[in-house]
C-alpha atoms as a PDB file:
ATOM      1  CA  UNK A   1      13.893  -3.736  10.491  1.00  0.00           C
ATOM      2  CA  UNK A   2      12.593  -6.664  11.320  1.00  0.00           C
ATOM      3  CA  UNK A   3       9.553  -4.983  12.460  1.00  0.00           C
ATOM      4  CA  UNK A   4       8.624  -3.832   9.185  1.00  0.00           C
ATOM      5  CA  UNK A   5       8.656  -6.953   7.643  1.00  0.00           C
ATOM      6  CA  UNK A   6       6.970  -8.450  10.216  1.00  0.00           C
ATOM      7  CA  UNK A   7       4.356  -6.027   9.240  1.00  0.00           C
ATOM      8  CA  UNK A   8       4.742  -5.497   6.365  1.00  0.00           C
ATOM      9  CA  UNK A   9       3.869  -9.090   6.041  1.00  0.00           C
ATOM     10  CA  UNK A  10       1.445  -9.447   7.890  1.00  0.00           C
ATOM     11  CA  UNK A  11      -0.446  -6.767   5.586  1.00  0.00           C
ATOM     12  CA  UNK A  12       0.317  -8.723   3.834  1.00  0.00           C
ATOM     13  CA  UNK A  13      -1.421 -11.988   5.150  1.00  0.00           C
ATOM     14  CA  UNK A  14      -4.968  -9.293   6.028  1.00  0.00           C
ATOM     15  CA  UNK A  15      -4.632  -8.092   2.568  1.00  0.00           C
ATOM     16  CA  UNK A  16      -5.267 -11.930   1.405  1.00  0.00           C
ATOM     17  CA  UNK A  17      -7.373 -12.598   3.665  1.00  0.00           C
ATOM     18  CA  UNK A  18      -5.373 -15.272   6.330  1.00  0.00           C
ATOM     19  CA  UNK A  19      -5.539 -12.893   8.930  1.00  0.00           C
ATOM     20  CA  UNK A  20      -7.902 -10.854  11.517  1.00  0.00           C
ATOM     21  CA  UNK A  21      -6.156  -9.446  13.003  1.00  0.00           C
ATOM     22  CA  UNK A  22      -2.363  -8.180  13.815  1.00  0.00           C
ATOM     23  CA  UNK A  23       0.788  -9.033  15.918  1.00  0.00           C
ATOM     24  CA  UNK A  24       3.370  -6.862  15.415  1.00  0.00           C
ATOM     25  CA  UNK A  25       3.730  -4.778  18.094  1.00  0.00           C
ATOM     26  CA  UNK A  26       2.711  -0.953  18.589  1.00  0.00           C
ATOM     27  CA  UNK A  27       4.440   2.264  20.154  1.00  0.00           C
ATOM     28  CA  UNK A  28       1.069   3.941  20.609  1.00  0.00           C
ATOM     29  CA  UNK A  29       1.875   8.157  20.898  1.00  0.00           C
ATOM     30  CA  UNK A  30      -0.586  10.780  21.101  1.00  0.00           C
ATOM     31  CA  UNK A  31      -3.001  12.534  24.383  1.00  0.00           C
ATOM     32  CA  UNK A  32      -3.959   9.824  27.335  1.00  0.00           C
ATOM     33  CA  UNK A  33      -6.692  10.596  24.989  1.00  0.00           C
ATOM     34  CA  UNK A  34      -6.183   9.300  22.066  1.00  0.00           C
ATOM     35  CA  UNK A  35      -4.548   6.394  23.131  1.00  0.00           C
ATOM     36  CA  UNK A  36      -7.845   5.590  25.399  1.00  0.00           C
ATOM     37  CA  UNK A  37      -9.511   6.365  22.367  1.00  0.00           C
ATOM     38  CA  UNK A  38      -6.803   4.458  19.790  1.00  0.00           C
ATOM     39  CA  UNK A  39      -6.520   0.538  22.289  1.00  0.00           C
ATOM     40  CA  UNK A  40     -10.047   1.167  22.076  1.00  0.00           C
ATOM     41  CA  UNK A  41     -10.558   1.081  18.552  1.00  0.00           C
ATOM     42  CA  UNK A  42      -8.497  -2.304  18.665  1.00  0.00           C
ATOM     43  CA  UNK A  43     -11.275  -4.209  20.577  1.00  0.00           C
ATOM     44  CA  UNK A  44     -13.131  -3.345  18.276  1.00  0.00           C
ATOM     45  CA  UNK A  45     -13.555  -7.394  16.319  1.00  0.00           C
ATOM     46  CA  UNK A  46     -12.597  -7.613  12.762  1.00  0.00           C
ATOM     47  CA  UNK A  47     -15.595  -8.299  10.584  1.00  0.00           C
ATOM     48  CA  UNK A  48     -18.223  -6.040  13.353  1.00  0.00           C
ATOM     49  CA  UNK A  49     -18.333  -2.928  13.891  1.00  0.00           C
ATOM     50  CA  UNK A  50     -19.132   0.351  16.402  1.00  0.00           C
ATOM     51  CA  UNK A  51     -21.133   3.708  16.222  1.00  0.00           C
ATOM     52  CA  UNK A  52     -18.179   6.602  17.590  1.00  0.00           C
ATOM     53  CA  UNK A  53     -20.518   6.788  20.334  1.00  0.00           C
ATOM     54  CA  UNK A  54     -19.486   2.881  21.666  1.00  0.00           C
ATOM     55  CA  UNK A  55     -16.469   4.256  22.109  1.00  0.00           C
ATOM     56  CA  UNK A  56     -16.564   6.227  24.233  1.00  0.00           C
ATOM     57  CA  UNK A  57     -18.504   5.002  25.820  1.00  0.00           C
ATOM     58  CA  UNK A  58     -15.902   1.971  25.595  1.00  0.00           C
ATOM     59  CA  UNK A  59     -13.515   4.385  26.895  1.00  0.00           C
ATOM     60  CA  UNK A  60     -15.188   5.240  30.683  1.00  0.00           C
ATOM     61  CA  UNK A  61     -17.432   8.496  29.188  1.00  0.00           C
ATOM     62  CA  UNK A  62     -20.992   9.413  28.076  1.00  0.00           C
ATOM     63  CA  UNK A  63     -22.271   8.541  24.878  1.00  0.00           C
ATOM     64  CA  UNK A  64     -22.758  11.822  23.633  1.00  0.00           C
ATOM     65  CA  UNK A  65     -19.272  12.686  23.721  1.00  0.00           C
ATOM     66  CA  UNK A  66     -18.802  10.551  20.512  1.00  0.00           C
ATOM     67  CA  UNK A  67     -16.936  13.431  18.226  1.00  0.00           C
ATOM     68  CA  UNK A  68     -13.580  14.378  20.854  1.00  0.00           C
ATOM     69  CA  UNK A  69     -14.238  10.677  19.960  1.00  0.00           C
ATOM     70  CA  UNK A  70     -14.450  11.293  16.459  1.00  0.00           C
ATOM     71  CA  UNK A  71     -11.348  13.680  16.679  1.00  0.00           C
ATOM     72  CA  UNK A  72      -9.215  10.835  18.088  1.00  0.00           C
ATOM     73  CA  UNK A  73     -10.870   8.542  15.482  1.00  0.00           C
ATOM     74  CA  UNK A  74      -9.661  10.777  12.783  1.00  0.00           C
ATOM     75  CA  UNK A  75      -6.353  11.407  13.867  1.00  0.00           C
ATOM     76  CA  UNK A  76      -5.148   7.578  14.254  1.00  0.00           C
ATOM     77  CA  UNK A  77      -1.184   7.632  12.865  1.00  0.00           C
ATOM     78  CA  UNK A  78      -1.889   3.303  11.793  1.00  0.00           C
ATOM     79  CA  UNK A  79      -4.636   3.180  10.066  1.00  0.00           C
ATOM     80  CA  UNK A  80      -5.833  -0.574   8.497  1.00  0.00           C
ATOM     81  CA  UNK A  81      -3.871  -1.982  11.899  1.00  0.00           C
ATOM     82  CA  UNK A  82      -5.536   0.528  14.592  1.00  0.00           C
ATOM     83  CA  UNK A  83      -9.228  -0.460  13.013  1.00  0.00           C
ATOM     84  CA  UNK A  84     -10.611   2.572  13.124  1.00  0.00           C
ATOM     85  CA  UNK A  85     -12.521   2.373   9.322  1.00  0.00           C
ATOM     86  CA  UNK A  86     -14.679  -0.121  11.567  1.00  0.00           C
ATOM     87  CA  UNK A  87     -15.817   3.035  13.418  1.00  0.00           C
ATOM     88  CA  UNK A  88     -19.711   4.835  11.903  1.00  0.00           C
ATOM     89  CA  UNK A  89     -22.025   7.217  12.942  1.00  0.00           C
ATOM     90  CA  UNK A  90     -24.481   6.087  15.058  1.00  0.00           C
ATOM     91  CA  UNK A  91     -26.952   5.231  12.566  1.00  0.00           C
ATOM     92  CA  UNK A  92     -24.706   2.724  11.294  1.00  0.00           C
ATOM     93  CA  UNK A  93     -24.074   4.723   7.482  1.00  0.00           C
ATOM     94  CA  UNK A  94     -19.726   5.303   6.143  1.00  0.00           C
ATOM     95  CA  UNK A  95     -18.218   9.388   7.949  1.00  0.00           C
ATOM     96  CA  UNK A  96     -15.787  10.257   7.788  1.00  0.00           C
ATOM     97  CA  UNK A  97     -12.076   8.477   7.258  1.00  0.00           C
ATOM     98  CA  UNK A  98      -8.663  10.302   6.885  1.00  0.00           C
ATOM     99  CA  UNK A  99      -7.983   7.384   3.128  1.00  0.00           C
ATOM    100  CA  UNK A 100     -11.675   8.163   2.073  1.00  0.00           C
ATOM    101  CA  UNK A 101     -15.022   6.609   2.444  1.00  0.00           C
ATOM    102  CA  UNK A 102     -14.320   4.809  -0.493  1.00  0.00           C
ATOM    103  CA  UNK A 103     -11.748   3.050   1.319  1.00  0.00           C
ATOM    104  CA  UNK A 104     -12.935   2.796   4.504  1.00  0.00           C
ATOM    105  CA  UNK A 105     -15.955   0.937   2.189  1.00  0.00           C
ATOM    106  CA  UNK A 106     -13.190  -1.564   1.280  1.00  0.00           C
ATOM    107  CA  UNK A 107     -11.578  -2.454   4.536  1.00  0.00           C
ATOM    108  CA  UNK A 108     -15.250  -3.348   5.940  1.00  0.00           C
ATOM    109  CA  UNK A 109     -16.815  -5.415   2.547  1.00  0.00           C
ATOM    110  CA  UNK A 110     -13.185  -7.134   2.746  1.00  0.00           C
ATOM    111  CA  UNK A 111     -14.142  -7.723   6.600  1.00  0.00           C
ATOM    112  CA  UNK A 112     -17.666  -8.964   4.962  1.00  0.00           C
ATOM    113  CA  UNK A 113     -20.176  -6.215   6.119  1.00  0.00           C
ATOM    114  CA  UNK A 114     -22.963  -5.774   4.243  1.00  0.00           C
ATOM    115  CA  UNK A 115     -23.466  -2.092   3.489  1.00  0.00           C
ATOM    116  CA  UNK A 116     -27.705  -2.867   2.819  1.00  0.00           C
END
């Protein structure tokens, strides 16, 4: 029960602007590739974003392998805490988010992202 309360508190702090990183322990369950991608997402700093190609490179693949990375990002079971909203298309445009693009944009704007 304590982990749920801690997670609730950390999410509340994130949404009120006082938390930029989460410290709750995570048990990521998926394929070895998915877990590698999800761990790479945890390295994206608050207020910054990367491309799917950047994540491919971070996990030891070529930039051109962005598509399988995008699939793994889309299967992230712990959105917000594992910040998949910080991944944009190579062109810098918004694309794909399990919660919808309006929520992705809202999360990015909360972190200081300027669409212009």
